[in-house]
Amino acid sequence: MNPHDLKSMSVDELWSLHELVVSILARKISSAQAELEQRSRELGQNTADSVKKVSHARRQYPRVFPKYRNPARPSETWAGRGKQPRWLTAELRSGKKLDDFRIRPSPDRRGAAAQGSGRPNKKTARRRSA
């Protein structure tokens, strides 16, 4: 059948052709699906169970603490990842520096971090032993 035949067909003839094509496609798709399910059963995989076992949940990432704070609205913070917030881009355009918005660690936290946990990591342990 060439395209010229389709142009000469009436709407009713085209619609019946459409219904015929849809029914044939539905039969072929269902037979192909049945064949694939049969193959997966032969391989020892149950399709219903394998679909349930696949989890699309996102991986747990560690919490990222904010590094920058909006001085006008202290509740607005940014961790330094992803797109810069609008308040920060506006401030940077006005001539301020990114470091002006950095959140400074409190003295208690800085002291604990400087002293360490009391346990040497692998690199410092190797340096000390060498």
C-alpha atoms as a PDB file:
ATOM      1  CA  MET A   1       0.000   0.000   0.000  1.00  0.00           C
ATOM      2  CA  ASN A   2       1.487   3.330  -0.978  1.00  0.00           C
ATOM      3  CA  PRO A   3       0.667   6.755   0.535  1.00  0.00           C
ATOM      4  CA  HIS A   4      -1.498   7.710  -2.444  1.00  0.00           C
ATOM      5  CA  ASP A   5      -3.940   4.940  -1.580  1.00  0.00           C
ATOM      6  CA  LEU A   6      -4.345   6.362   1.928  1.00  0.00           C
ATOM      7  CA  LYS A   7      -5.134   9.818   0.571  1.00  0.00           C
ATOM      8  CA  SER A   8      -7.907   8.458  -1.621  1.00  0.00           C
ATOM      9  CA  MET A   9      -9.549   6.512   1.262  1.00  0.00           C
ATOM     10  CA  SER A  10     -12.566   7.884   3.110  1.00  0.00           C
ATOM     11  CA  VAL A  11     -12.553   8.646   6.837  1.00  0.00           C
ATOM     12  CA  ASP A  12     -14.544   5.476   7.602  1.00  0.00           C
ATOM     13  CA  GLU A  13     -12.111   3.320   5.625  1.00  0.00           C
ATOM     14  CA  LEU A  14      -9.123   4.941   7.356  1.00  0.00           C
ATOM     15  CA  TRP A  15     -10.716   4.417  10.773  1.00  0.00           C
ATOM     16  CA  SER A  16     -11.372   0.728  10.113  1.00  0.00           C
ATOM     17  CA  LEU A  17      -7.757   0.373   8.952  1.00  0.00           C
ATOM     18  CA  HIS A  18      -6.630   2.065  12.166  1.00  0.00           C
ATOM     19  CA  GLU A  19      -8.685  -0.349  14.298  1.00  0.00           C
ATOM     20  CA  LEU A  20      -7.262  -3.312  12.390  1.00  0.00           C
ATOM     21  CA  VAL A  21      -3.678  -2.110  12.965  1.00  0.00           C
ATOM     22  CA  VAL A  22      -4.346  -1.504  16.687  1.00  0.00           C
ATOM     23  CA  SER A  23      -5.803  -4.996  17.195  1.00  0.00           C
ATOM     24  CA  ILE A  24      -2.909  -6.679  15.373  1.00  0.00           C
ATOM     25  CA  LEU A  25      -0.356  -4.675  17.383  1.00  0.00           C
ATOM     26  CA  ALA A  26      -2.100  -5.569  20.654  1.00  0.00           C
ATOM     27  CA  ARG A  27      -1.977  -9.282  19.813  1.00  0.00           C
ATOM     28  CA  LYS A  28       1.696  -9.118  18.836  1.00  0.00           C
ATOM     29  CA  ILE A  29       2.650  -7.177  21.953  1.00  0.00           C
ATOM     30  CA  SER A  30       0.811  -9.591  24.262  1.00  0.00           C
ATOM     31  CA  SER A  31       2.415 -12.619  22.587  1.00  0.00           C
ATOM     32  CA  ALA A  32       5.877 -11.030  22.861  1.00  0.00           C
ATOM     33  CA  GLN A  33       5.245 -10.246  26.529  1.00  0.00           C
ATOM     34  CA  ALA A  34       4.112 -13.823  27.193  1.00  0.00           C
ATOM     35  CA  GLU A  35       7.233 -15.121  25.452  1.00  0.00           C
ATOM     36  CA  LEU A  36       9.479 -12.906  27.596  1.00  0.00           C
ATOM     37  CA  GLU A  37       7.722 -14.017  30.788  1.00  0.00           C
ATOM     38  CA  GLN A  38       8.186 -17.653  29.739  1.00  0.00           C
ATOM     39  CA  ARG A  39      11.908 -17.063  29.140  1.00  0.00           C
ATOM     40  CA  SER A  40      12.331 -15.392  32.525  1.00  0.00           C
ATOM     41  CA  ARG A  41      10.549 -18.335  34.215  1.00  0.00           C
ATOM     42  CA  GLU A  42      12.954 -20.692  32.438  1.00  0.00           C
ATOM     43  CA  LEU A  43      15.842 -18.678  33.844  1.00  0.00           C
ATOM     44  CA  GLY A  44      14.350 -19.015  37.318  1.00  0.00           C
ATOM     45  CA  GLN A  45      13.229 -15.461  37.791  1.00  0.00           C
ATOM     46  CA  ASN A  46       9.704 -14.718  38.851  1.00  0.00           C
ATOM     47  CA  THR A  47       8.683 -11.478  37.132  1.00  0.00           C
ATOM     48  CA  ALA A  48       6.330 -10.317  39.895  1.00  0.00           C
ATOM     49  CA  ASP A  49       8.949 -10.879  42.606  1.00  0.00           C
ATOM     50  CA  SER A  50      11.812  -9.362  40.631  1.00  0.00           C
ATOM     51  CA  VAL A  51       9.828  -6.170  40.026  1.00  0.00           C
ATOM     52  CA  LYS A  52       9.048  -5.837  43.729  1.00  0.00           C
ATOM     53  CA  LYS A  53      12.673  -6.389  44.768  1.00  0.00           C
ATOM     54  CA  VAL A  54      13.979  -3.528  42.635  1.00  0.00           C
ATOM     55  CA  SER A  55      14.054  -0.434  44.784  1.00  0.00           C
ATOM     56  CA  HIS A  56      14.074   2.995  43.248  1.00  0.00           C
ATOM     57  CA  ALA A  57      14.753   4.720  46.549  1.00  0.00           C
ATOM     58  CA  ARG A  58      17.587   7.203  46.549  1.00  0.00           C
ATOM     59  CA  ARG A  59      20.835   6.407  48.285  1.00  0.00           C
ATOM     60  CA  GLN A  60      21.256   7.895  51.738  1.00  0.00           C
ATOM     61  CA  TYR A  61      23.766  10.731  51.637  1.00  0.00           C
ATOM     62  CA  PRO A  62      25.349  12.279  54.710  1.00  0.00           C
ATOM     63  CA  ARG A  63      23.867  15.567  55.820  1.00  0.00           C
ATOM     64  CA  VAL A  64      25.677  18.580  54.393  1.00  0.00           C
ATOM     65  CA  PHE A  65      25.870  21.479  56.793  1.00  0.00           C
ATOM     66  CA  PRO A  66      25.428  25.018  55.491  1.00  0.00           C
ATOM     67  CA  LYS A  67      28.552  27.056  54.769  1.00  0.00           C
ATOM     68  CA  TYR A  68      27.001  30.403  53.816  1.00  0.00           C
ATOM     69  CA  ARG A  69      24.288  32.498  55.480  1.00  0.00           C
ATOM     70  CA  ASN A  70      22.234  35.466  54.303  1.00  0.00           C
ATOM     71  CA  PRO A  71      22.909  38.306  56.784  1.00  0.00           C
ATOM     72  CA  ALA A  72      19.554  39.949  55.983  1.00  0.00           C
ATOM     73  CA  ARG A  73      17.656  36.715  56.665  1.00  0.00           C
ATOM     74  CA  PRO A  74      19.712  34.349  58.841  1.00  0.00           C
ATOM     75  CA  SER A  75      17.316  31.467  58.183  1.00  0.00           C
ATOM     76  CA  GLU A  76      18.443  31.414  54.519  1.00  0.00           C
ATOM     77  CA  THR A  77      21.568  29.285  54.190  1.00  0.00           C
ATOM     78  CA  TRP A  78      23.441  27.507  51.425  1.00  0.00           C
ATOM     79  CA  ALA A  79      25.703  24.463  51.698  1.00  0.00           C
ATOM     80  CA  GLY A  80      27.825  25.422  48.700  1.00  0.00           C
ATOM     81  CA  ARG A  81      26.386  22.691  46.482  1.00  0.00           C
ATOM     82  CA  GLY A  82      24.195  23.108  43.453  1.00  0.00           C
ATOM     83  CA  LYS A  83      22.982  26.392  42.060  1.00  0.00           C
ATOM     84  CA  GLN A  84      23.689  29.507  44.094  1.00  0.00           C
ATOM     85  CA  PRO A  85      20.595  30.975  45.770  1.00  0.00           C
ATOM     86  CA  ARG A  86      19.179  34.225  44.448  1.00  0.00           C
ATOM     87  CA  TRP A  87      20.082  36.222  47.542  1.00  0.00           C
ATOM     88  CA  LEU A  88      23.738  35.208  47.153  1.00  0.00           C
ATOM     89  CA  THR A  89      23.979  35.938  43.440  1.00  0.00           C
ATOM     90  CA  ALA A  90      22.443  39.375  44.022  1.00  0.00           C
ATOM     91  CA  GLU A  91      24.961  40.147  46.771  1.00  0.00           C
ATOM     92  CA  LEU A  92      27.886  38.925  44.660  1.00  0.00           C
ATOM     93  CA  ARG A  93      26.762  41.156  41.768  1.00  0.00           C
ATOM     94  CA  SER A  94      26.688  44.129  44.117  1.00  0.00           C
ATOM     95  CA  GLY A  95      30.410  43.645  44.728  1.00  0.00           C
ATOM     96  CA  LYS A  96      30.608  41.552  47.892  1.00  0.00           C
ATOM     97  CA  LYS A  97      32.801  38.483  48.137  1.00  0.00           C
ATOM     98  CA  LEU A  98      31.649  34.923  48.761  1.00  0.00           C
ATOM     99  CA  ASP A  99      33.785  34.734  51.896  1.00  0.00           C
ATOM    100  CA  ASP A 100      31.725  37.585  53.433  1.00  0.00           C
ATOM    101  CA  PHE A 101      28.822  35.153  53.835  1.00  0.00           C
ATOM    102  CA  ARG A 102      30.775  32.179  55.182  1.00  0.00           C
ATOM    103  CA  ILE A 103      29.488  30.747  58.447  1.00  0.00           C
ATOM    104  CA  ARG A 104      32.306  30.785  60.981  1.00  0.00           C
ATOM    105  CA  PRO A 105      32.516  27.739  63.262  1.00  0.00           C
ATOM    106  CA  SER A 106      31.900  28.426  66.932  1.00  0.00           C
ATOM    107  CA  PRO A 107      34.973  28.432  69.203  1.00  0.00           C
ATOM    108  CA  ASP A 108      33.884  25.223  70.968  1.00  0.00           C
ATOM    109  CA  ARG A 109      33.626  23.278  67.703  1.00  0.00           C
ATOM    110  CA  ARG A 110      36.871  24.658  66.306  1.00  0.00           C
ATOM    111  CA  GLY A 111      38.788  23.658  69.428  1.00  0.00           C
ATOM    112  CA  ALA A 112      37.443  20.111  69.347  1.00  0.00           C
ATOM    113  CA  ALA A 113      38.251  19.778  65.664  1.00  0.00           C
ATOM    114  CA  ALA A 114      41.778  21.118  66.135  1.00  0.00           C
ATOM    115  CA  GLN A 115      42.475  18.724  69.006  1.00  0.00           C
ATOM    116  CA  GLY A 116      41.117  15.733  67.115  1.00  0.00           C
ATOM    117  CA  SER A 117      39.277  12.755  68.495  1.00  0.00           C
ATOM    118  CA  GLY A 118      42.326  11.424  70.311  1.00  0.00           C
ATOM    119  CA  ARG A 119      42.623   8.616  67.796  1.00  0.00           C
ATOM    120  CA  PRO A 120      45.203   8.972  64.994  1.00  0.00           C
ATOM    121  CA  ASN A 121      44.092   8.253  61.465  1.00  0.00           C
ATOM    122  CA  LYS A 122      45.997   5.894  59.174  1.00  0.00           C
ATOM    123  CA  LYS A 123      48.174   8.594  57.604  1.00  0.00           C
ATOM    124  CA  THR A 124      49.369  10.076  60.894  1.00  0.00           C
ATOM    125  CA  ALA A 125      49.921   6.602  62.348  1.00  0.00           C
ATOM    126  CA  ARG A 126      52.180   5.711  59.405  1.00  0.00           C
ATOM    127  CA  ARG A 127      54.129   8.963  59.705  1.00  0.00           C
ATOM    128  CA  ARG A 128      54.696   8.448  63.408  1.00  0.00           C
ATOM    129  CA  SER A 129      55.884   4.875  62.983  1.00  0.00           C
ATOM    130  CA  ALA A 130      58.274   5.710  60.123  1.00  0.00           C
END
